[in-house]
Amino acid sequence: MDPEYGIKLIHEAGGLAVLAHPGLISEFDEVWKRLEKLDWDGLEVYYSEHSNSTVKKFQTLADSKNLLATGGSDYHGENGKHVGRLGTAGLSKEQFEKIVEKVAKKEIVD
């Protein structure tokens, strides 16, 4: 699925479209030239495989594009790749509240 269609589907479902773990995208700067004009809501800044310098790079990018900073440890259960990283990457209370505010504006229902 191309990113444009994926973002459209996410928005139609009432969700927030976030580019996940951009630090793992090879040649990110080249890829971003195509992606940056799309209707993203956020960028996964905090990720268990992002170095401190990578976090800083993506936080700066998110701030400059007015995107939400998201993050997490990418824990997928006891047999997952990141089993030892649960809770090692996350958001501040302020960052979390910004996401909650944006979700509330979209009137997402459960």
N, C-alpha and C. Protein backbone atom coordinates (compact mmCIF):
# COMPACT_ATOMS: atom_id res chain seq x y z
N MET A 1 0.84 -1.16 0.00
CA MET A 1 0.00 0.00 0.00
C MET A 1 0.90 1.23 0.00
N ASP A 2 0.55 2.20 -0.81
CA ASP A 2 1.38 3.41 -0.81
C ASP A 2 1.00 4.28 0.38
N PRO A 3 1.93 5.13 0.81
CA PRO A 3 1.69 5.93 2.01
C PRO A 3 0.47 6.85 1.91
N GLU A 4 0.23 7.41 0.75
CA GLU A 4 -0.92 8.30 0.59
C GLU A 4 -2.22 7.58 0.92
N TYR A 5 -2.37 6.37 0.41
CA TYR A 5 -3.58 5.60 0.64
C TYR A 5 -3.67 5.16 2.11
N GLY A 6 -2.55 4.76 2.68
CA GLY A 6 -2.53 4.37 4.08
C GLY A 6 -2.95 5.51 4.99
N ILE A 7 -2.42 6.69 4.75
CA ILE A 7 -2.79 7.87 5.54
C ILE A 7 -4.27 8.17 5.39
N LYS A 8 -4.76 8.08 4.17
CA LYS A 8 -6.18 8.33 3.90
C LYS A 8 -7.06 7.37 4.70
N LEU A 9 -6.72 6.09 4.68
CA LEU A 9 -7.49 5.10 5.42
C LEU A 9 -7.45 5.35 6.93
N ILE A 10 -6.29 5.67 7.43
CA ILE A 10 -6.16 5.95 8.86
C ILE A 10 -7.03 7.13 9.24
N HIS A 11 -6.99 8.19 8.45
CA HIS A 11 -7.79 9.38 8.75
C HIS A 11 -9.29 9.09 8.62
N GLU A 12 -9.66 8.32 7.62
CA GLU A 12 -11.08 7.97 7.46
C GLU A 12 -11.59 7.16 8.65
N ALA A 13 -10.71 6.39 9.27
CA ALA A 13 -11.07 5.58 10.44
C ALA A 13 -11.02 6.41 11.72
N GLY A 14 -10.60 7.67 11.62
CA GLY A 14 -10.53 8.54 12.79
C GLY A 14 -9.21 8.48 13.53
N GLY A 15 -8.22 7.87 12.91
CA GLY A 15 -6.93 7.72 13.57
C GLY A 15 -5.92 8.78 13.21
N LEU A 16 -4.78 8.70 13.84
CA LEU A 16 -3.66 9.59 13.58
C LEU A 16 -2.61 8.83 12.79
N ALA A 17 -2.17 9.42 11.71
CA ALA A 17 -1.15 8.80 10.85
C ALA A 17 0.23 9.23 11.32
N VAL A 18 1.01 8.24 11.77
CA VAL A 18 2.33 8.50 12.33
C VAL A 18 3.35 7.65 11.58
N LEU A 19 4.44 8.28 11.18
CA LEU A 19 5.52 7.54 10.53
C LEU A 19 6.32 6.82 11.62
N ALA A 20 6.28 5.49 11.59
CA ALA A 20 6.90 4.67 12.63
C ALA A 20 8.40 4.52 12.42
N HIS A 21 9.10 4.45 13.51
CA HIS A 21 10.56 4.29 13.61
C HIS A 21 11.33 4.74 12.37
N PRO A 22 11.32 6.05 12.12
CA PRO A 22 12.00 6.57 10.94
C PRO A 22 13.51 6.33 10.93
N GLY A 23 14.08 6.14 12.11
CA GLY A 23 15.52 5.88 12.18
C GLY A 23 15.93 4.56 11.55
N LEU A 24 14.97 3.69 11.29
CA LEU A 24 15.27 2.41 10.66
C LEU A 24 15.08 2.46 9.14
N ILE A 25 14.65 3.60 8.63
CA ILE A 25 14.45 3.75 7.19
C ILE A 25 15.79 4.09 6.56
N SER A 26 16.29 3.16 5.74
CA SER A 26 17.58 3.44 5.10
C SER A 26 17.42 4.64 4.17
N GLU A 27 18.43 5.46 4.15
CA GLU A 27 18.43 6.68 3.34
C GLU A 27 17.19 7.54 3.64
N PHE A 28 16.94 7.74 4.94
CA PHE A 28 15.76 8.48 5.38
C PHE A 28 15.62 9.83 4.69
N ASP A 29 16.71 10.59 4.59
CA ASP A 29 16.62 11.93 4.03
C ASP A 29 16.05 11.92 2.60
N GLU A 30 16.44 10.93 1.82
CA GLU A 30 15.90 10.80 0.46
C GLU A 30 14.43 10.39 0.50
N VAL A 31 14.10 9.44 1.34
CA VAL A 31 12.73 8.96 1.46
C VAL A 31 11.83 10.10 1.95
N TRP A 32 12.33 10.88 2.91
CA TRP A 32 11.53 11.96 3.49
C TRP A 32 11.16 13.02 2.44
N LYS A 33 11.98 13.20 1.44
CA LYS A 33 11.65 14.17 0.39
C LYS A 33 10.32 13.85 -0.26
N ARG A 34 9.98 12.57 -0.34
CA ARG A 34 8.68 12.17 -0.91
C ARG A 34 7.58 12.21 0.15
N LEU A 35 7.93 11.85 1.37
CA LEU A 35 6.92 11.70 2.41
C LEU A 35 6.54 12.99 3.13
N GLU A 36 7.43 13.97 3.15
CA GLU A 36 7.21 15.13 4.00
C GLU A 36 5.99 15.97 3.61
N LYS A 37 5.55 15.88 2.38
CA LYS A 37 4.40 16.68 1.94
C LYS A 37 3.07 15.99 2.21
N LEU A 38 3.12 14.77 2.71
CA LEU A 38 1.90 14.03 3.00
C LEU A 38 1.28 14.51 4.31
N ASP A 39 0.06 14.11 4.55
CA ASP A 39 -0.73 14.61 5.68
C ASP A 39 -0.47 13.82 6.96
N TRP A 40 0.78 13.81 7.40
CA TRP A 40 1.15 13.10 8.62
C TRP A 40 0.63 13.85 9.84
N ASP A 41 0.31 13.11 10.88
CA ASP A 41 -0.03 13.71 12.16
C ASP A 41 1.15 13.67 13.12
N GLY A 42 2.02 12.70 12.94
CA GLY A 42 3.12 12.57 13.87
C GLY A 42 4.29 11.78 13.32
N LEU A 43 5.33 11.76 14.11
CA LEU A 43 6.57 11.08 13.77
C LEU A 43 7.03 10.34 15.03
N GLU A 44 7.36 9.07 14.90
CA GLU A 44 7.82 8.31 16.05
C GLU A 44 9.26 8.73 16.37
N VAL A 45 9.36 9.63 17.31
CA VAL A 45 10.65 10.18 17.71
C VAL A 45 11.36 9.23 18.68
N TYR A 46 10.61 8.75 19.66
CA TYR A 46 11.17 7.91 20.72
C TYR A 46 10.91 6.45 20.38
N TYR A 47 11.99 5.74 20.12
CA TYR A 47 11.92 4.35 19.70
C TYR A 47 13.11 3.63 20.31
N SER A 48 12.92 2.40 20.72
CA SER A 48 13.97 1.68 21.46
C SER A 48 15.27 1.50 20.68
N GLU A 49 15.24 1.61 19.37
CA GLU A 49 16.48 1.47 18.59
C GLU A 49 17.04 2.81 18.12
N HIS A 50 16.42 3.91 18.53
CA HIS A 50 16.94 5.23 18.17
C HIS A 50 18.00 5.65 19.19
N SER A 51 19.13 6.10 18.69
CA SER A 51 20.17 6.65 19.56
C SER A 51 19.72 8.04 20.04
N ASN A 52 20.44 8.59 21.00
CA ASN A 52 20.11 9.94 21.47
C ASN A 52 20.18 10.96 20.35
N SER A 53 21.17 10.85 19.47
CA SER A 53 21.29 11.79 18.36
C SER A 53 20.15 11.61 17.36
N THR A 54 19.69 10.40 17.18
CA THR A 54 18.57 10.14 16.29
C THR A 54 17.29 10.71 16.87
N VAL A 55 17.10 10.54 18.17
CA VAL A 55 15.93 11.13 18.84
C VAL A 55 15.95 12.64 18.65
N LYS A 56 17.09 13.26 18.86
CA LYS A 56 17.20 14.72 18.70
C LYS A 56 16.87 15.13 17.26
N LYS A 57 17.39 14.39 16.29
CA LYS A 57 17.13 14.69 14.87
C LYS A 57 15.63 14.66 14.58
N PHE A 58 14.96 13.60 15.05
CA PHE A 58 13.54 13.46 14.73
C PHE A 58 12.66 14.36 15.57
N GLN A 59 13.10 14.72 16.77
CA GLN A 59 12.34 15.70 17.56
C GLN A 59 12.40 17.06 16.87
N THR A 60 13.57 17.42 16.39
CA THR A 60 13.73 18.69 15.66
C THR A 60 12.87 18.69 14.41
N LEU A 61 12.86 17.59 13.68
CA LEU A 61 12.05 17.48 12.47
C LEU A 61 10.56 17.58 12.81
N ALA A 62 10.13 16.86 13.82
CA ALA A 62 8.71 16.91 14.23
C ALA A 62 8.32 18.33 14.61
N ASP A 63 9.15 18.99 15.39
CA ASP A 63 8.87 20.37 15.79
C ASP A 63 8.79 21.30 14.58
N SER A 64 9.70 21.14 13.64
CA SER A 64 9.73 22.03 12.48
C SER A 64 8.53 21.83 11.55
N LYS A 65 7.94 20.65 11.57
CA LYS A 65 6.80 20.33 10.71
C LYS A 65 5.48 20.34 11.48
N ASN A 66 5.54 20.74 12.76
CA ASN A 66 4.35 20.77 13.62
C ASN A 66 3.69 19.39 13.69
N LEU A 67 4.51 18.36 13.85
CA LEU A 67 4.02 16.99 13.97
C LEU A 67 4.09 16.55 15.43
N LEU A 68 3.18 15.68 15.82
CA LEU A 68 3.24 15.10 17.15
C LEU A 68 4.48 14.21 17.24
N ALA A 69 5.12 14.22 18.40
CA ALA A 69 6.21 13.28 18.67
C ALA A 69 5.58 12.10 19.39
N THR A 70 5.76 10.91 18.82
CA THR A 70 5.23 9.71 19.46
C THR A 70 6.39 8.80 19.80
N GLY A 71 6.08 7.70 20.49
CA GLY A 71 7.15 6.77 20.78
C GLY A 71 6.72 5.63 21.66
N GLY A 72 7.61 4.69 21.75
CA GLY A 72 7.39 3.52 22.58
C GLY A 72 8.51 2.53 22.39
N SER A 73 8.45 1.45 23.14
CA SER A 73 9.52 0.47 23.11
C SER A 73 9.37 -0.54 21.98
N ASP A 74 8.22 -0.58 21.32
CA ASP A 74 7.94 -1.53 20.23
C ASP A 74 7.86 -2.96 20.76
N TYR A 75 7.37 -3.09 21.96
CA TYR A 75 7.23 -4.39 22.61
C TYR A 75 6.04 -5.14 22.00
N HIS A 76 6.28 -6.33 21.51
CA HIS A 76 5.23 -7.14 20.88
C HIS A 76 5.04 -8.47 21.60
N GLY A 77 5.25 -8.50 22.89
CA GLY A 77 5.04 -9.72 23.64
C GLY A 77 6.32 -10.42 24.03
N GLU A 78 6.16 -11.48 24.79
CA GLU A 78 7.30 -12.20 25.37
C GLU A 78 8.23 -12.83 24.34
N ASN A 79 7.75 -13.10 23.15
CA ASN A 79 8.59 -13.72 22.13
C ASN A 79 9.07 -12.73 21.08
N GLY A 80 8.77 -11.46 21.28
CA GLY A 80 9.12 -10.44 20.30
C GLY A 80 10.58 -10.04 20.35
N LYS A 81 10.97 -9.32 19.34
CA LYS A 81 12.34 -8.85 19.18
C LYS A 81 12.79 -7.92 20.32
N HIS A 82 11.87 -7.16 20.85
CA HIS A 82 12.21 -6.14 21.84
C HIS A 82 11.78 -6.52 23.26
N VAL A 83 11.79 -7.80 23.58
CA VAL A 83 11.29 -8.27 24.87
C VAL A 83 11.97 -7.57 26.05
N GLY A 84 13.22 -7.28 25.97
CA GLY A 84 13.93 -6.63 27.07
C GLY A 84 13.82 -5.13 27.09
N ARG A 85 13.06 -4.57 26.18
CA ARG A 85 13.01 -3.11 26.06
C ARG A 85 11.70 -2.49 26.52
N LEU A 86 10.79 -3.29 27.03
CA LEU A 86 9.51 -2.78 27.48
C LEU A 86 9.73 -1.63 28.46
N GLY A 87 9.17 -0.49 28.15
CA GLY A 87 9.27 0.67 29.02
C GLY A 87 10.53 1.49 28.87
N THR A 88 11.38 1.15 27.91
CA THR A 88 12.64 1.89 27.77
C THR A 88 12.54 3.12 26.88
N ALA A 89 11.48 3.25 26.14
CA ALA A 89 11.31 4.41 25.27
C ALA A 89 9.87 4.88 25.41
N GLY A 90 9.70 6.13 25.71
CA GLY A 90 8.35 6.62 25.89
C GLY A 90 8.27 8.13 25.79
N LEU A 91 7.12 8.64 26.17
CA LEU A 91 6.83 10.06 26.04
C LEU A 91 6.75 10.74 27.40
N SER A 92 6.92 12.04 27.37
CA SER A 92 6.66 12.81 28.57
C SER A 92 5.15 12.96 28.72
N LYS A 93 4.71 13.36 29.87
CA LYS A 93 3.28 13.57 30.11
C LYS A 93 2.75 14.63 29.13
N GLU A 94 3.52 15.69 28.92
CA GLU A 94 3.11 16.76 28.00
C GLU A 94 2.94 16.23 26.57
N GLN A 95 3.88 15.42 26.11
CA GLN A 95 3.78 14.85 24.76
C GLN A 95 2.56 13.94 24.65
N PHE A 96 2.34 13.13 25.67
CA PHE A 96 1.17 12.25 25.67
C PHE A 96 -0.11 13.06 25.63
N GLU A 97 -0.19 14.12 26.41
CA GLU A 97 -1.39 14.96 26.45
C GLU A 97 -1.66 15.62 25.10
N LYS A 98 -0.62 15.97 24.36
CA LYS A 98 -0.81 16.54 23.01
C LYS A 98 -1.47 15.53 22.09
N ILE A 99 -1.07 14.28 22.21
CA ILE A 99 -1.68 13.22 21.39
C ILE A 99 -3.14 13.05 21.78
N VAL A 100 -3.42 13.01 23.07
CA VAL A 100 -4.79 12.86 23.55
C VAL A 100 -5.65 14.02 23.05
N GLU A 101 -5.13 15.23 23.08
CA GLU A 101 -5.86 16.40 22.59
C GLU A 101 -6.19 16.27 21.11
N LYS A 102 -5.21 15.84 20.33
CA LYS A 102 -5.44 15.71 18.89
C LYS A 102 -6.45 14.60 18.60
N VAL A 103 -6.38 13.51 19.33
CA VAL A 103 -7.34 12.43 19.17
C VAL A 103 -8.75 12.92 19.54
N ALA A 104 -8.85 13.68 20.62
CA ALA A 104 -10.14 14.20 21.06
C ALA A 104 -10.76 15.10 19.98
N LYS A 105 -9.94 15.88 19.32
CA LYS A 105 -10.44 16.76 18.25
C LYS A 105 -10.97 15.97 17.06
N LYS A 106 -10.46 14.76 16.87
CA LYS A 106 -10.92 13.92 15.78
C LYS A 106 -12.20 13.18 16.14
N GLU A 107 -12.61 13.28 17.40
CA GLU A 107 -13.81 12.64 17.89
C GLU A 107 -13.80 11.14 17.62
N ILE A 108 -12.69 10.51 17.95
CA ILE A 108 -12.56 9.07 17.80
C ILE A 108 -13.40 8.38 18.87
N VAL A 109 -14.15 7.40 18.46
CA VAL A 109 -14.97 6.65 19.42
C VAL A 109 -14.42 5.23 19.53
N ASP A 110 -14.65 4.61 20.69
CA ASP A 110 -14.15 3.24 20.83
C ASP A 110 -15.25 2.23 20.59
